[in-house]
């Protein structure tokens, strides 16, 4: 008997030919599909889907050198969190910083 496979049916029994799909099943599938599509679109548009980024990811997104990123940290332009020797940046902080610069340029 053919069964539907994939993320939606993981942990659930697959659908057979003689089984019906309920409206609740379709609504659950729609929500999961939309969530996955939003993540894909963010990644394609250059917006990371992660909450925290490492320095090399921020440099890549902003197109800046390690020295420029260090200067932005030193002068307080870009907030960061240091855990051990690793520095993390919030994607929300990066977006807010970019919005602030855009507003100041207008």
N, C-alpha and C. Protein backbone atom coordinates (compact mmCIF):
# COMPACT_ATOMS: atom_id res chain seq x y z
N UNK A 1 0.84 -1.18 0.00
CA UNK A 1 0.00 0.00 0.00
C UNK A 1 0.89 1.25 0.00
N UNK A 2 0.61 2.22 -0.87
CA UNK A 2 1.39 3.46 -0.92
C UNK A 2 1.12 4.31 0.30
N UNK A 3 2.17 4.92 0.81
CA UNK A 3 2.02 5.81 1.96
C UNK A 3 2.71 7.13 1.66
N UNK A 4 2.15 8.22 2.19
CA UNK A 4 2.74 9.54 2.04
C UNK A 4 3.89 9.65 3.02
N UNK A 5 5.03 10.12 2.57
CA UNK A 5 6.21 10.27 3.42
C UNK A 5 6.65 11.72 3.41
N UNK A 6 7.45 12.11 4.38
CA UNK A 6 7.99 13.46 4.46
C UNK A 6 7.82 14.00 5.85
N UNK A 7 8.17 15.28 6.01
CA UNK A 7 8.11 15.90 7.33
C UNK A 7 6.72 15.86 7.93
N UNK A 8 5.71 16.09 7.11
CA UNK A 8 4.36 16.18 7.63
C UNK A 8 3.91 14.87 8.27
N UNK A 9 4.26 13.76 7.66
CA UNK A 9 3.76 12.49 8.16
C UNK A 9 4.71 11.82 9.14
N UNK A 10 5.85 12.47 9.45
CA UNK A 10 6.77 11.87 10.42
C UNK A 10 6.07 11.72 11.75
N UNK A 11 6.21 10.55 12.33
CA UNK A 11 5.58 10.31 13.61
C UNK A 11 4.10 9.99 13.50
N UNK A 12 3.53 10.13 12.32
CA UNK A 12 2.13 9.82 12.09
C UNK A 12 2.05 8.65 11.13
N UNK A 13 0.95 8.00 11.17
CA UNK A 13 0.74 6.90 10.24
C UNK A 13 0.58 7.47 8.84
N UNK A 14 1.19 6.85 7.86
CA UNK A 14 1.05 7.29 6.48
C UNK A 14 -0.37 7.09 5.99
N UNK A 15 -0.72 7.78 4.93
CA UNK A 15 -2.06 7.68 4.37
C UNK A 15 -2.11 6.56 3.34
N UNK A 16 -3.13 5.77 3.48
CA UNK A 16 -3.36 4.73 2.50
C UNK A 16 -4.38 5.21 1.47
N UNK A 17 -4.60 4.45 0.45
CA UNK A 17 -5.54 4.84 -0.61
C UNK A 17 -6.97 4.96 -0.11
N UNK A 18 -7.30 4.21 0.92
CA UNK A 18 -8.68 4.22 1.38
C UNK A 18 -8.90 5.13 2.59
N UNK A 19 -7.94 6.01 2.90
CA UNK A 19 -8.07 6.90 4.04
C UNK A 19 -8.37 8.32 3.58
N UNK A 20 -9.07 9.05 4.43
CA UNK A 20 -9.42 10.44 4.13
C UNK A 20 -8.48 11.39 4.86
N UNK A 21 -8.30 12.54 4.27
CA UNK A 21 -7.53 13.61 4.90
C UNK A 21 -8.54 14.59 5.47
N UNK A 22 -8.38 14.90 6.76
CA UNK A 22 -9.33 15.82 7.40
C UNK A 22 -8.91 17.27 7.14
N UNK A 23 -9.82 18.18 7.41
CA UNK A 23 -9.50 19.60 7.30
C UNK A 23 -8.40 19.98 8.27
N UNK A 24 -8.39 19.37 9.44
CA UNK A 24 -7.34 19.63 10.42
C UNK A 24 -5.98 19.18 9.88
N UNK A 25 -5.95 18.03 9.21
CA UNK A 25 -4.70 17.55 8.60
C UNK A 25 -4.20 18.55 7.56
N UNK A 26 -5.11 19.07 6.75
CA UNK A 26 -4.73 20.04 5.72
C UNK A 26 -4.25 21.35 6.34
N UNK A 27 -4.91 21.79 7.41
CA UNK A 27 -4.51 23.02 8.08
C UNK A 27 -3.12 22.86 8.69
N UNK A 28 -2.85 21.71 9.31
CA UNK A 28 -1.53 21.45 9.89
C UNK A 28 -0.46 21.44 8.80
N UNK A 29 -0.77 20.80 7.69
CA UNK A 29 0.17 20.73 6.57
C UNK A 29 0.44 22.13 6.01
N UNK A 30 -0.61 22.92 5.88
CA UNK A 30 -0.45 24.28 5.36
C UNK A 30 0.47 25.11 6.25
N UNK A 31 0.26 25.04 7.57
CA UNK A 31 1.09 25.80 8.50
C UNK A 31 2.56 25.38 8.42
N UNK A 32 2.79 24.08 8.35
CA UNK A 32 4.17 23.59 8.26
C UNK A 32 4.80 24.00 6.93
N UNK A 33 4.05 23.91 5.86
CA UNK A 33 4.56 24.30 4.55
C UNK A 33 4.89 25.79 4.50
N UNK A 34 4.00 26.62 5.02
CA UNK A 34 4.25 28.07 5.04
C UNK A 34 5.48 28.41 5.87
N UNK A 35 5.64 27.75 7.03
CA UNK A 35 6.81 27.99 7.88
C UNK A 35 8.10 27.63 7.13
N UNK A 36 8.09 26.48 6.45
CA UNK A 36 9.27 26.06 5.69
C UNK A 36 9.56 27.00 4.52
N UNK A 37 8.51 27.45 3.83
CA UNK A 37 8.70 28.36 2.70
C UNK A 37 9.25 29.71 3.16
N UNK A 38 8.78 30.20 4.30
CA UNK A 38 9.29 31.46 4.83
C UNK A 38 10.78 31.37 5.14
N UNK A 39 11.21 30.25 5.70
CA UNK A 39 12.64 30.06 5.97
C UNK A 39 13.45 30.05 4.69
N UNK A 40 12.93 29.38 3.67
CA UNK A 40 13.63 29.32 2.38
C UNK A 40 13.73 30.70 1.75
N UNK A 41 12.63 31.45 1.77
CA UNK A 41 12.63 32.79 1.18
C UNK A 41 13.61 33.70 1.91
N UNK A 42 13.66 33.63 3.23
CA UNK A 42 14.60 34.44 4.00
C UNK A 42 16.04 34.13 3.60
N UNK A 43 16.35 32.86 3.45
CA UNK A 43 17.70 32.47 3.09
C UNK A 43 18.04 32.91 1.68
N UNK A 44 17.09 32.81 0.75
CA UNK A 44 17.33 33.22 -0.63
C UNK A 44 17.53 34.73 -0.70
N UNK A 45 16.80 35.48 0.10
CA UNK A 45 16.91 36.94 0.10
C UNK A 45 18.10 37.44 0.91
N UNK A 46 18.93 36.54 1.39
CA UNK A 46 20.11 36.94 2.15
C UNK A 46 19.85 37.22 3.61
N UNK A 47 18.64 36.96 4.06
CA UNK A 47 18.33 37.16 5.46
C UNK A 47 18.43 35.81 6.16
N UNK A 48 19.31 35.70 7.10
CA UNK A 48 19.47 34.41 7.78
C UNK A 48 18.23 34.04 8.58
N UNK A 49 18.00 32.77 8.68
CA UNK A 49 16.84 32.29 9.43
C UNK A 49 17.21 31.98 10.88
N UNK A 50 18.46 32.18 11.24
CA UNK A 50 18.91 31.90 12.60
C UNK A 50 18.77 33.15 13.46
N UNK A 51 18.65 32.93 14.77
CA UNK A 51 18.56 34.05 15.70
C UNK A 51 19.93 34.65 16.00
N UNK A 52 20.96 33.80 16.05
CA UNK A 52 22.30 34.26 16.39
C UNK A 52 23.27 33.94 15.26
N UNK A 53 24.14 34.91 14.97
CA UNK A 53 25.13 34.77 13.90
C UNK A 53 26.53 34.90 14.48
N UNK A 54 27.47 34.24 13.83
CA UNK A 54 28.88 34.39 14.20
C UNK A 54 29.48 35.51 13.35
N UNK A 55 30.69 35.94 13.73
CA UNK A 55 31.33 37.07 13.07
C UNK A 55 31.45 36.89 11.56
N UNK A 56 31.88 35.71 11.11
CA UNK A 56 32.07 35.52 9.67
C UNK A 56 30.74 35.64 8.92
N UNK A 57 29.62 35.26 9.56
CA UNK A 57 28.32 35.38 8.91
C UNK A 57 27.90 36.85 8.80
N UNK A 58 28.17 37.62 9.85
CA UNK A 58 27.83 39.04 9.84
C UNK A 58 28.68 39.77 8.80
N UNK A 59 29.97 39.44 8.74
CA UNK A 59 30.85 40.07 7.74
C UNK A 59 30.35 39.76 6.33
N UNK A 60 29.91 38.55 6.10
CA UNK A 60 29.42 38.16 4.78
C UNK A 60 28.14 38.92 4.43
N UNK A 61 27.23 39.01 5.38
CA UNK A 61 25.96 39.71 5.15
C UNK A 61 26.20 41.19 4.88
N UNK A 62 27.07 41.82 5.68
CA UNK A 62 27.31 43.26 5.54
C UNK A 62 28.38 43.59 4.51
N UNK A 63 29.14 42.58 4.10
CA UNK A 63 30.19 42.81 3.12
C UNK A 63 31.31 43.67 3.67
N UNK A 64 31.73 43.37 4.90
CA UNK A 64 32.78 44.17 5.55
C UNK A 64 33.94 43.27 5.98
N UNK A 65 35.04 43.90 6.28
CA UNK A 65 36.25 43.19 6.70
C UNK A 65 36.20 42.90 8.20
N UNK A 66 37.06 41.99 8.66
CA UNK A 66 37.14 41.73 10.11
C UNK A 66 37.46 43.00 10.91
N UNK A 67 38.33 43.85 10.38
CA UNK A 67 38.69 45.10 11.06
C UNK A 67 37.52 46.05 11.20
N UNK A 68 36.71 46.15 10.15
CA UNK A 68 35.53 47.02 10.19
C UNK A 68 34.51 46.50 11.21
N UNK A 69 34.34 45.18 11.26
CA UNK A 69 33.43 44.60 12.24
C UNK A 69 33.93 44.88 13.65
N UNK A 70 35.23 44.77 13.85
CA UNK A 70 35.83 45.08 15.15
C UNK A 70 35.58 46.55 15.52
N UNK A 71 35.73 47.44 14.56
CA UNK A 71 35.48 48.87 14.81
C UNK A 71 34.02 49.11 15.18
N UNK A 72 33.09 48.42 14.51
CA UNK A 72 31.67 48.57 14.84
C UNK A 72 31.36 48.08 16.25
N UNK A 73 32.04 47.02 16.67
CA UNK A 73 31.88 46.53 18.05
C UNK A 73 32.47 47.54 19.03
N UNK A 74 33.69 48.02 18.73
CA UNK A 74 34.39 48.94 19.64
C UNK A 74 33.63 50.24 19.87
N UNK A 75 33.02 50.78 18.81
CA UNK A 75 32.33 52.06 18.99
C UNK A 75 30.85 51.90 19.37
N UNK A 76 30.43 50.65 19.63
CA UNK A 76 29.07 50.42 20.12
C UNK A 76 28.00 50.44 19.07
N UNK A 77 28.38 50.47 17.80
CA UNK A 77 27.39 50.50 16.72
C UNK A 77 26.65 49.18 16.61
N UNK A 78 27.36 48.09 16.86
CA UNK A 78 26.76 46.76 16.72
C UNK A 78 26.87 46.00 18.04
N UNK A 79 25.73 45.66 18.64
CA UNK A 79 25.76 44.90 19.89
C UNK A 79 26.22 43.46 19.64
N UNK A 80 26.84 42.87 20.63
CA UNK A 80 27.33 41.50 20.49
C UNK A 80 27.34 40.81 21.84
N UNK A 81 27.44 39.50 21.79
CA UNK A 81 27.58 38.68 23.00
C UNK A 81 28.78 37.79 22.82
N UNK A 82 29.64 37.77 23.81
CA UNK A 82 30.84 36.93 23.75
C UNK A 82 30.65 35.76 24.70
N UNK A 83 30.82 34.56 24.17
CA UNK A 83 30.81 33.34 24.99
C UNK A 83 32.14 32.66 24.73
N UNK A 84 33.00 32.71 25.73
CA UNK A 84 34.35 32.19 25.54
C UNK A 84 35.06 33.05 24.50
N UNK A 85 35.60 32.43 23.48
CA UNK A 85 36.28 33.17 22.40
C UNK A 85 35.39 33.40 21.18
N UNK A 86 34.12 33.05 21.29
CA UNK A 86 33.21 33.18 20.15
C UNK A 86 32.30 34.37 20.37
N UNK A 87 32.15 35.20 19.34
CA UNK A 87 31.28 36.37 19.40
C UNK A 87 30.03 36.10 18.58
N UNK A 88 28.88 36.39 19.18
CA UNK A 88 27.59 36.19 18.52
C UNK A 88 26.87 37.52 18.37
N UNK A 89 26.08 37.61 17.31
CA UNK A 89 25.31 38.82 17.01
C UNK A 89 23.86 38.40 16.78
N UNK A 90 22.93 39.14 17.31
CA UNK A 90 21.52 38.87 17.12
C UNK A 90 21.10 39.36 15.73
N UNK A 91 20.34 38.55 15.02
CA UNK A 91 19.86 38.98 13.69
C UNK A 91 18.95 40.20 13.82
N UNK A 92 18.21 40.29 14.94
CA UNK A 92 17.35 41.45 15.16
C UNK A 92 18.19 42.72 15.34
N UNK A 93 19.32 42.60 16.06
CA UNK A 93 20.20 43.75 16.26
C UNK A 93 20.81 44.21 14.94
N UNK A 94 21.19 43.26 14.09
CA UNK A 94 21.76 43.60 12.79
C UNK A 94 20.72 44.33 11.94
N UNK A 95 19.50 43.82 11.93
CA UNK A 95 18.42 44.46 11.16
C UNK A 95 18.12 45.86 11.70
N UNK A 96 18.07 45.99 13.03
CA UNK A 96 17.80 47.30 13.64
C UNK A 96 18.90 48.29 13.30
N UNK A 97 20.15 47.84 13.32
CA UNK A 97 21.27 48.72 12.98
C UNK A 97 21.14 49.20 11.52
N UNK A 98 20.81 48.27 10.63
CA UNK A 98 20.66 48.64 9.22
C UNK A 98 19.50 49.62 9.03
N UNK A 99 18.38 49.38 9.71
CA UNK A 99 17.24 50.29 9.63
C UNK A 99 17.61 51.67 10.15
N UNK A 100 18.38 51.74 11.23
CA UNK A 100 18.81 53.00 11.81
C UNK A 100 19.66 53.79 10.82
N UNK A 101 20.60 53.12 10.17
CA UNK A 101 21.44 53.80 9.19
C UNK A 101 20.61 54.27 7.99
N UNK A 102 19.65 53.45 7.57
CA UNK A 102 18.81 53.83 6.44
C UNK A 102 18.00 55.08 6.78
N UNK A 103 17.43 55.15 7.98
CA UNK A 103 16.62 56.29 8.39
C UNK A 103 17.48 57.55 8.47
N UNK A 104 18.71 57.40 8.92
CA UNK A 104 19.60 58.56 9.04
C UNK A 104 20.06 59.07 7.68
N UNK A 105 20.04 58.23 6.68
CA UNK A 105 20.49 58.62 5.33
C UNK A 105 19.40 59.33 4.55
N UNK A 106 18.14 59.18 4.96
CA UNK A 106 17.01 59.77 4.21
C UNK A 106 16.87 61.23 4.48
